[in-house]
Amino acid sequence: MTETLPFGILLILIPLIILVAGAYASVGLGGGTGYLAVMTLAGVSAAIMTPTALLLNLVVTGAALMRFGMAGRLKWRLFLPFLIPAMPAAFLGGLVTADRKIFLLLLAITLTAASITMFRTAPNAQEQEFEPDRLRLFLIAIPAGLMIGFLSGFLGIGGGVFLGPLLLFLGWAGPKQVAAMNSALILVISAIALAAHGIKGGVELNVVLPLAVAALVGGLGGATLAEKKLAPRVLQRIFAVIVLIAAIKAIFDAVSK
């Protein structure tokens, strides 16, 4: 079934997507929770929201990686135990179609967690060198990867908003290493989940393409701000408020319809 958005809604979404992509790119994220937040506020349906957010993730993280690379900061020994279980889980999550109320409630919980995380992890930590032993790494990374992958595929996010705070909390990596791992995770998970949504017929290019151009502009702008070392924490906290408002709206929509 083909869905579209009114032209007026697109005109509202395009500048918001530019701002969200810029803010998230400046802190090493793809922006999935932000795109879901503004689309929720605009009243976009879940059928359009999820695959659109995934494709915008791909645009922003792909552009950032092509522009800046990962500067040798990607710690494969630490990253792969999270990534490998997340990949099939993301595909399965992308195939699941849930009741609208269930989707909105899960979205609200995820957006609330993302908002709290963004408030608490404004970048101020020092780079870390501590790495866990193999057993502890696997005991945490495998179940975490499965959960991150499934929620990412189902909701339409890349998973960086979960992986980054977890690694920083555990002290296993510093902010620059986390940003590199987030970018790689978001790129892979978004592509896999988007393929699952494509199988379901949920990708609408007439909606996605104009928003993808907006995300590209915003993502490159945000990466440039980060390159010039302008502090991103203010933007991060502003969008944490927007994400929290969207979570409240998602809860209201779930219980009122």
C-alpha atoms as a PDB file:
ATOM      1  CA  MET A   1       0.000   0.000   0.000  1.00  0.00           C
ATOM      2  CA  THR A   2       1.399   3.382  -1.025  1.00  0.00           C
ATOM      3  CA  GLU A   3       1.295   6.176   1.521  1.00  0.00           C
ATOM      4  CA  THR A   4       2.318   9.785   1.125  1.00  0.00           C
ATOM      5  CA  LEU A   5       2.579  12.940   3.182  1.00  0.00           C
ATOM      6  CA  PRO A   6       0.782  16.228   2.580  1.00  0.00           C
ATOM      7  CA  PHE A   7       3.075  18.813   1.028  1.00  0.00           C
ATOM      8  CA  GLY A   8       2.604  21.104   4.036  1.00  0.00           C
ATOM      9  CA  ILE A   9       3.866  18.403   6.425  1.00  0.00           C
ATOM     10  CA  LEU A  10       6.945  17.876   4.244  1.00  0.00           C
ATOM     11  CA  LEU A  11       7.667  21.613   4.340  1.00  0.00           C
ATOM     12  CA  ILE A  12       7.551  21.469   8.133  1.00  0.00           C
ATOM     13  CA  LEU A  13       9.630  18.299   8.375  1.00  0.00           C
ATOM     14  CA  ILE A  14      12.474  19.308   6.037  1.00  0.00           C
ATOM     15  CA  PRO A  15      13.961  22.104   8.216  1.00  0.00           C
ATOM     16  CA  LEU A  16      13.408  20.000  11.342  1.00  0.00           C
ATOM     17  CA  ILE A  17      15.239  17.057   9.766  1.00  0.00           C
ATOM     18  CA  ILE A  18      18.136  19.369   8.837  1.00  0.00           C
ATOM     19  CA  LEU A  19      18.387  20.547  12.451  1.00  0.00           C
ATOM     20  CA  VAL A  20      18.086  17.047  13.916  1.00  0.00           C
ATOM     21  CA  ALA A  21      20.654  15.549  11.529  1.00  0.00           C
ATOM     22  CA  GLY A  22      23.075  18.378  12.304  1.00  0.00           C
ATOM     23  CA  ALA A  23      22.671  18.065  16.055  1.00  0.00           C
ATOM     24  CA  TYR A  24      23.065  14.291  16.102  1.00  0.00           C
ATOM     25  CA  ALA A  25      25.938  14.207  13.597  1.00  0.00           C
ATOM     26  CA  SER A  26      27.828  16.665  15.777  1.00  0.00           C
ATOM     27  CA  VAL A  27      27.872  14.047  18.566  1.00  0.00           C
ATOM     28  CA  GLY A  28      28.472  10.985  16.379  1.00  0.00           C
ATOM     29  CA  LEU A  29      24.925   9.650  16.042  1.00  0.00           C
ATOM     30  CA  GLY A  30      22.722   8.971  13.033  1.00  0.00           C
ATOM     31  CA  GLY A  31      19.653  10.703  14.461  1.00  0.00           C
ATOM     32  CA  GLY A  32      17.052   7.905  14.410  1.00  0.00           C
ATOM     33  CA  THR A  33      15.431   8.879  17.705  1.00  0.00           C
ATOM     34  CA  GLY A  34      15.366  12.522  16.614  1.00  0.00           C
ATOM     35  CA  TYR A  35      13.699  11.724  13.286  1.00  0.00           C
ATOM     36  CA  LEU A  36      11.140   9.576  15.070  1.00  0.00           C
ATOM     37  CA  ALA A  37      10.555  12.418  17.518  1.00  0.00           C
ATOM     38  CA  VAL A  38       9.841  15.108  14.915  1.00  0.00           C
ATOM     39  CA  MET A  39       7.779  12.733  12.763  1.00  0.00           C
ATOM     40  CA  THR A  40       5.764  11.751  15.839  1.00  0.00           C
ATOM     41  CA  LEU A  41       5.123  15.422  16.596  1.00  0.00           C
ATOM     42  CA  ALA A  42       4.066  15.944  12.962  1.00  0.00           C
ATOM     43  CA  GLY A  43       1.587  13.051  13.178  1.00  0.00           C
ATOM     44  CA  VAL A  44       3.340  10.822  10.625  1.00  0.00           C
ATOM     45  CA  SER A  45       2.092   7.215  10.582  1.00  0.00           C
ATOM     46  CA  ALA A  46       4.259   4.384  11.917  1.00  0.00           C
ATOM     47  CA  ALA A  47       4.259   2.729   8.472  1.00  0.00           C
ATOM     48  CA  ILE A  48       6.128   5.727   7.045  1.00  0.00           C
ATOM     49  CA  MET A  49       8.073   6.687  10.153  1.00  0.00           C
ATOM     50  CA  THR A  50      10.176   3.580  10.727  1.00  0.00           C
ATOM     51  CA  PRO A  51      11.720   2.958   7.272  1.00  0.00           C
ATOM     52  CA  THR A  52      12.166   6.709   6.751  1.00  0.00           C
ATOM     53  CA  ALA A  53      14.163   7.045   9.974  1.00  0.00           C
ATOM     54  CA  LEU A  54      16.326   4.063   8.987  1.00  0.00           C
ATOM     55  CA  LEU A  55      17.164   5.507   5.577  1.00  0.00           C
ATOM     56  CA  LEU A  56      17.970   8.904   7.085  1.00  0.00           C
ATOM     57  CA  ASN A  57      20.320   7.113   9.497  1.00  0.00           C
ATOM     58  CA  LEU A  58      22.128   5.605   6.513  1.00  0.00           C
ATOM     59  CA  VAL A  59      22.485   8.965   4.808  1.00  0.00           C
ATOM     60  CA  VAL A  60      23.904  10.778   7.829  1.00  0.00           C
ATOM     61  CA  THR A  61      26.287   8.093   9.069  1.00  0.00           C
ATOM     62  CA  GLY A  62      27.417   7.198   5.551  1.00  0.00           C
ATOM     63  CA  ALA A  63      28.227  10.828   4.775  1.00  0.00           C
ATOM     64  CA  ALA A  64      30.062  11.259   8.075  1.00  0.00           C
ATOM     65  CA  LEU A  65      32.166   8.128   7.562  1.00  0.00           C
ATOM     66  CA  MET A  66      33.053   9.126   3.998  1.00  0.00           C
ATOM     67  CA  ARG A  67      34.039  12.608   5.140  1.00  0.00           C
ATOM     68  CA  PHE A  68      35.984  11.821   8.279  1.00  0.00           C
ATOM     69  CA  GLY A  69      36.509   8.060   8.359  1.00  0.00           C
ATOM     70  CA  MET A  70      37.006   6.356  11.723  1.00  0.00           C
ATOM     71  CA  ALA A  71      40.634   7.444  12.276  1.00  0.00           C
ATOM     72  CA  GLY A  72      41.629   3.997  13.530  1.00  0.00           C
ATOM     73  CA  ARG A  73      39.364   4.328  16.565  1.00  0.00           C
ATOM     74  CA  LEU A  74      37.100   1.359  15.838  1.00  0.00           C
ATOM     75  CA  LYS A  75      37.922  -1.323  18.432  1.00  0.00           C
ATOM     76  CA  TRP A  76      36.931  -4.495  16.605  1.00  0.00           C
ATOM     77  CA  ARG A  77      37.537  -6.839  19.563  1.00  0.00           C
ATOM     78  CA  LEU A  78      35.056  -4.833  21.601  1.00  0.00           C
ATOM     79  CA  PHE A  79      32.661  -3.972  18.779  1.00  0.00           C
ATOM     80  CA  LEU A  80      32.067  -7.305  17.030  1.00  0.00           C
ATOM     81  CA  PRO A  81      30.465  -9.142  20.011  1.00  0.00           C
ATOM     82  CA  PHE A  82      27.778  -6.417  20.006  1.00  0.00           C
ATOM     83  CA  LEU A  83      27.419  -6.143  16.233  1.00  0.00           C
ATOM     84  CA  ILE A  84      27.171  -9.837  15.249  1.00  0.00           C
ATOM     85  CA  PRO A  85      24.082 -10.719  17.368  1.00  0.00           C
ATOM     86  CA  ALA A  86      22.526  -7.329  16.574  1.00  0.00           C
ATOM     87  CA  MET A  87      22.488  -8.002  12.815  1.00  0.00           C
ATOM     88  CA  PRO A  88      19.972 -10.907  12.629  1.00  0.00           C
ATOM     89  CA  ALA A  89      17.992  -9.369  15.492  1.00  0.00           C
ATOM     90  CA  ALA A  90      17.631  -6.109  13.519  1.00  0.00           C
ATOM     91  CA  PHE A  91      16.308  -8.011  10.509  1.00  0.00           C
ATOM     92  CA  LEU A  92      13.745  -9.828  12.646  1.00  0.00           C
ATOM     93  CA  GLY A  93      12.732  -6.572  14.312  1.00  0.00           C
ATOM     94  CA  GLY A  94      12.238  -4.992  10.902  1.00  0.00           C
ATOM     95  CA  LEU A  95       9.878  -7.797   9.875  1.00  0.00           C
ATOM     96  CA  VAL A  96       7.630  -7.409  12.916  1.00  0.00           C
ATOM     97  CA  THR A  97       4.434  -5.412  12.498  1.00  0.00           C
ATOM     98  CA  ALA A  98       2.822  -4.544  15.823  1.00  0.00           C
ATOM     99  CA  ASP A  99      -0.425  -2.989  16.897  1.00  0.00           C
ATOM    100  CA  ARG A 100      -0.250   0.815  16.678  1.00  0.00           C
ATOM    101  CA  LYS A 101      -0.669   1.258  20.444  1.00  0.00           C
ATOM    102  CA  ILE A 102       2.118  -1.196  21.204  1.00  0.00           C
ATOM    103  CA  PHE A 103       4.391   0.545  18.712  1.00  0.00           C
ATOM    104  CA  LEU A 104       3.660   3.962  20.221  1.00  0.00           C
ATOM    105  CA  LEU A 105       4.238   2.744  23.777  1.00  0.00           C
ATOM    106  CA  LEU A 106       7.564   1.131  22.883  1.00  0.00           C
ATOM    107  CA  LEU A 107       8.491   4.271  20.960  1.00  0.00           C
ATOM    108  CA  ALA A 108       7.633   6.412  23.988  1.00  0.00           C
ATOM    109  CA  ILE A 109       9.782   4.260  26.285  1.00  0.00           C
ATOM    110  CA  THR A 110      12.691   4.369  23.829  1.00  0.00           C
ATOM    111  CA  LEU A 111      12.432   8.130  23.290  1.00  0.00           C
ATOM    112  CA  THR A 112      12.283   8.740  27.040  1.00  0.00           C
ATOM    113  CA  ALA A 113      15.382   6.604  27.577  1.00  0.00           C
ATOM    114  CA  ALA A 114      17.127   8.404  24.719  1.00  0.00           C
ATOM    115  CA  SER A 115      16.228  11.801  26.179  1.00  0.00           C
ATOM    116  CA  ILE A 116      17.595  10.906  29.615  1.00  0.00           C
ATOM    117  CA  THR A 117      20.708   9.454  27.996  1.00  0.00           C
ATOM    118  CA  MET A 118      21.315  12.603  25.954  1.00  0.00           C
ATOM    119  CA  PHE A 119      21.059  14.764  29.081  1.00  0.00           C
ATOM    120  CA  ARG A 120      23.486  12.563  30.994  1.00  0.00           C
ATOM    121  CA  THR A 121      26.087  11.880  28.307  1.00  0.00           C
ATOM    122  CA  ALA A 122      26.869  15.350  26.987  1.00  0.00           C
ATOM    123  CA  PRO A 123      30.467  14.667  25.994  1.00  0.00           C
ATOM    124  CA  ASN A 124      32.840  15.452  28.830  1.00  0.00           C
ATOM    125  CA  ALA A 125      34.481  12.101  29.595  1.00  0.00           C
ATOM    126  CA  GLN A 126      38.151  11.255  29.121  1.00  0.00           C
ATOM    127  CA  GLU A 127      39.309   8.643  26.631  1.00  0.00           C
ATOM    128  CA  GLN A 128      39.464   5.182  28.209  1.00  0.00           C
ATOM    129  CA  GLU A 129      41.836   2.299  27.599  1.00  0.00           C
ATOM    130  CA  PHE A 130      40.271  -0.323  29.876  1.00  0.00           C
ATOM    131  CA  GLU A 131      38.955  -3.420  28.105  1.00  0.00           C
ATOM    132  CA  PRO A 132      37.045  -6.296  29.728  1.00  0.00           C
ATOM    133  CA  ASP A 133      38.103  -9.917  29.736  1.00  0.00           C
ATOM    134  CA  ARG A 134      36.562 -12.080  27.029  1.00  0.00           C
ATOM    135  CA  LEU A 135      34.004 -13.857  29.247  1.00  0.00           C
ATOM    136  CA  ARG A 136      32.613 -10.638  30.729  1.00  0.00           C
ATOM    137  CA  LEU A 137      32.539  -9.036  27.295  1.00  0.00           C
ATOM    138  CA  PHE A 138      30.508 -11.886  25.785  1.00  0.00           C
ATOM    139  CA  LEU A 139      28.120 -12.156  28.760  1.00  0.00           C
ATOM    140  CA  ILE A 140      27.192  -8.489  28.357  1.00  0.00           C
ATOM    141  CA  ALA A 141      27.644  -7.902  24.622  1.00  0.00           C
ATOM    142  CA  ILE A 142      25.617 -10.817  23.215  1.00  0.00           C
ATOM    143  CA  PRO A 143      22.312 -10.166  25.041  1.00  0.00           C
ATOM    144  CA  ALA A 144      22.809  -6.403  24.697  1.00  0.00           C
ATOM    145  CA  GLY A 145      23.450  -6.782  20.967  1.00  0.00           C
ATOM    146  CA  LEU A 146      20.313  -8.877  20.516  1.00  0.00           C
ATOM    147  CA  MET A 147      18.172  -6.316  22.338  1.00  0.00           C
ATOM    148  CA  ILE A 148      19.753  -3.332  20.564  1.00  0.00           C
ATOM    149  CA  GLY A 149      19.318  -4.984  17.172  1.00  0.00           C
ATOM    150  CA  PHE A 150      15.692  -5.996  17.633  1.00  0.00           C
ATOM    151  CA  LEU A 151      14.550  -2.644  19.044  1.00  0.00           C
ATOM    152  CA  SER A 152      16.484  -0.797  16.342  1.00  0.00           C
ATOM    153  CA  GLY A 153      14.896  -2.782  13.521  1.00  0.00           C
ATOM    154  CA  PHE A 154      11.416  -2.569  14.983  1.00  0.00           C
ATOM    155  CA  LEU A 155      11.439   1.136  15.842  1.00  0.00           C
ATOM    156  CA  GLY A 156      13.596   2.459  13.017  1.00  0.00           C
ATOM    157  CA  ILE A 157      16.737   3.583  14.854  1.00  0.00           C
ATOM    158  CA  GLY A 158      20.364   2.644  14.395  1.00  0.00           C
ATOM    159  CA  GLY A 159      21.115   1.578  17.970  1.00  0.00           C
ATOM    160  CA  GLY A 160      23.883   4.046  18.705  1.00  0.00           C
ATOM    161  CA  VAL A 161      21.780   5.749  21.359  1.00  0.00           C
ATOM    162  CA  PHE A 162      21.896   2.458  23.306  1.00  0.00           C
ATOM    163  CA  LEU A 163      25.424   1.225  22.535  1.00  0.00           C
ATOM    164  CA  GLY A 164      27.250   4.498  23.200  1.00  0.00           C
ATOM    165  CA  PRO A 165      25.928   5.158  26.715  1.00  0.00           C
ATOM    166  CA  LEU A 166      26.410   1.481  27.652  1.00  0.00           C
ATOM    167  CA  LEU A 167      30.092   1.503  26.628  1.00  0.00           C
ATOM    168  CA  LEU A 168      30.712   4.818  28.387  1.00  0.00           C
ATOM    169  CA  PHE A 169      28.938   3.589  31.539  1.00  0.00           C
ATOM    170  CA  LEU A 170      31.043   0.408  31.587  1.00  0.00           C
ATOM    171  CA  GLY A 171      34.220   2.400  30.960  1.00  0.00           C
ATOM    172  CA  TRP A 172      35.215   0.180  28.031  1.00  0.00           C
ATOM    173  CA  ALA A 173      35.799   2.996  25.532  1.00  0.00           C
ATOM    174  CA  GLY A 174      36.164   6.758  25.378  1.00  0.00           C
ATOM    175  CA  PRO A 175      33.932   9.250  23.531  1.00  0.00           C
ATOM    176  CA  LYS A 176      35.911   9.228  20.262  1.00  0.00           C
ATOM    177  CA  GLN A 177      36.022   5.427  20.142  1.00  0.00           C
ATOM    178  CA  VAL A 178      32.333   5.254  21.010  1.00  0.00           C
ATOM    179  CA  ALA A 179      31.506   7.693  18.189  1.00  0.00           C
ATOM    180  CA  ALA A 180      33.339   5.456  15.696  1.00  0.00           C
ATOM    181  CA  MET A 181      31.571   2.311  16.919  1.00  0.00           C
ATOM    182  CA  ASN A 182      28.201   4.083  16.946  1.00  0.00           C
ATOM    183  CA  SER A 183      28.644   5.179  13.330  1.00  0.00           C
ATOM    184  CA  ALA A 184      29.555   1.672  12.174  1.00  0.00           C
ATOM    185  CA  LEU A 185      26.705   0.074  14.156  1.00  0.00           C
ATOM    186  CA  ILE A 186      24.125   2.563  12.865  1.00  0.00           C
ATOM    187  CA  LEU A 187      25.234   2.081   9.264  1.00  0.00           C
ATOM    188  CA  VAL A 188      25.048  -1.738   9.387  1.00  0.00           C
ATOM    189  CA  ILE A 189      21.901  -2.078  11.511  1.00  0.00           C
ATOM    190  CA  SER A 190      19.975   0.572   9.568  1.00  0.00           C
ATOM    191  CA  ALA A 191      20.795  -1.122   6.250  1.00  0.00           C
ATOM    192  CA  ILE A 192      19.697  -4.555   7.514  1.00  0.00           C
ATOM    193  CA  ALA A 193      16.483  -3.285   9.095  1.00  0.00           C
ATOM    194  CA  LEU A 194      15.674  -1.212   6.011  1.00  0.00           C
ATOM    195  CA  ALA A 195      15.985  -4.354   3.874  1.00  0.00           C
ATOM    196  CA  ALA A 196      13.432  -6.051   6.135  1.00  0.00           C
ATOM    197  CA  HIS A 197      11.049  -3.125   5.786  1.00  0.00           C
ATOM    198  CA  GLY A 198      11.578  -3.235   2.025  1.00  0.00           C
ATOM    199  CA  ILE A 199      10.436  -6.858   2.007  1.00  0.00           C
ATOM    200  CA  LYS A 200       7.276  -5.749   3.825  1.00  0.00           C
ATOM    201  CA  GLY A 201       6.782  -3.020   1.221  1.00  0.00           C
ATOM    202  CA  GLY A 202       7.144  -0.242   3.768  1.00  0.00           C
ATOM    203  CA  VAL A 203       9.643   2.010   1.964  1.00  0.00           C
ATOM    204  CA  GLU A 204       8.046   5.001   0.215  1.00  0.00           C
ATOM    205  CA  LEU A 205      10.672   6.825  -1.877  1.00  0.00           C
ATOM    206  CA  ASN A 206       8.414   9.790  -2.588  1.00  0.00           C
ATOM    207  CA  VAL A 207       8.476  10.506   1.160  1.00  0.00           C
ATOM    208  CA  VAL A 208      12.036   9.474   1.903  1.00  0.00           C
ATOM    209  CA  LEU A 209      13.963  11.261  -0.871  1.00  0.00           C
ATOM    210  CA  PRO A 210      13.263  14.903   0.075  1.00  0.00           C
ATOM    211  CA  LEU A 211      13.907  14.114   3.731  1.00  0.00           C
ATOM    212  CA  ALA A 212      17.115  12.261   2.808  1.00  0.00           C
ATOM    213  CA  VAL A 213      18.444  15.366   1.057  1.00  0.00           C
ATOM    214  CA  ALA A 214      17.612  17.400   4.172  1.00  0.00           C
ATOM    215  CA  ALA A 215      19.387  14.845   6.389  1.00  0.00           C
ATOM    216  CA  LEU A 216      22.469  14.929   4.152  1.00  0.00           C
ATOM    217  CA  VAL A 217      22.672  18.730   4.387  1.00  0.00           C
ATOM    218  CA  GLY A 218      22.177  18.695   8.134  1.00  0.00           C
ATOM    219  CA  GLY A 219      24.550  15.788   8.721  1.00  0.00           C
ATOM    220  CA  LEU A 220      27.397  17.401   6.828  1.00  0.00           C
ATOM    221  CA  GLY A 221      26.741  20.666   8.644  1.00  0.00           C
ATOM    222  CA  GLY A 222      26.808  18.956  12.024  1.00  0.00           C
ATOM    223  CA  ALA A 223      30.000  17.079  11.185  1.00  0.00           C
ATOM    224  CA  THR A 224      31.586  20.376  10.156  1.00  0.00           C
ATOM    225  CA  LEU A 225      30.580  21.949  13.472  1.00  0.00           C
ATOM    226  CA  ALA A 226      32.147  19.015  15.299  1.00  0.00           C
ATOM    227  CA  GLU A 227      35.298  19.333  13.199  1.00  0.00           C
ATOM    228  CA  LYS A 228      35.602  22.995  14.218  1.00  0.00           C
ATOM    229  CA  LYS A 229      35.258  21.897  17.864  1.00  0.00           C
ATOM    230  CA  LEU A 230      32.140  23.865  18.657  1.00  0.00           C
ATOM    231  CA  ALA A 231      30.679  22.331  21.838  1.00  0.00           C
ATOM    232  CA  PRO A 232      27.758  20.067  20.857  1.00  0.00           C
ATOM    233  CA  ARG A 233      26.338  19.638  24.354  1.00  0.00           C
ATOM    234  CA  VAL A 234      23.915  22.563  24.083  1.00  0.00           C
ATOM    235  CA  LEU A 235      22.396  21.202  20.857  1.00  0.00           C
ATOM    236  CA  GLN A 236      22.312  17.736  22.371  1.00  0.00           C
ATOM    237  CA  ARG A 237      20.340  18.961  25.372  1.00  0.00           C
ATOM    238  CA  ILE A 238      17.931  21.018  23.273  1.00  0.00           C
ATOM    239  CA  PHE A 239      17.068  17.947  21.237  1.00  0.00           C
ATOM    240  CA  ALA A 240      16.821  15.880  24.394  1.00  0.00           C
ATOM    241  CA  VAL A 241      13.910  18.153  25.329  1.00  0.00           C
ATOM    242  CA  ILE A 242      12.353  17.701  21.859  1.00  0.00           C
ATOM    243  CA  VAL A 243      12.709  13.918  22.111  1.00  0.00           C
ATOM    244  CA  LEU A 244      11.091  13.940  25.559  1.00  0.00           C
ATOM    245  CA  ILE A 245       8.148  16.009  24.261  1.00  0.00           C
ATOM    246  CA  ALA A 246       7.737  13.510  21.415  1.00  0.00           C
ATOM    247  CA  ALA A 247       7.743  10.651  23.945  1.00  0.00           C
ATOM    248  CA  ILE A 248       4.933  12.352  25.868  1.00  0.00           C
ATOM    249  CA  LYS A 249       2.980  12.824  22.627  1.00  0.00           C
ATOM    250  CA  ALA A 250       3.485   9.141  21.710  1.00  0.00           C
ATOM    251  CA  ILE A 251       2.081   8.106  25.088  1.00  0.00           C
ATOM    252  CA  PHE A 252      -0.881  10.463  24.658  1.00  0.00           C
ATOM    253  CA  ASP A 253      -1.577   9.088  21.147  1.00  0.00           C
ATOM    254  CA  ALA A 254      -1.342   5.504  22.395  1.00  0.00           C
ATOM    255  CA  VAL A 255      -3.861   5.948  25.204  1.00  0.00           C
ATOM    256  CA  SER A 256      -6.257   8.284  23.414  1.00  0.00           C
ATOM    257  CA  LYS A 257      -6.896   6.359  20.150  1.00  0.00           C
END
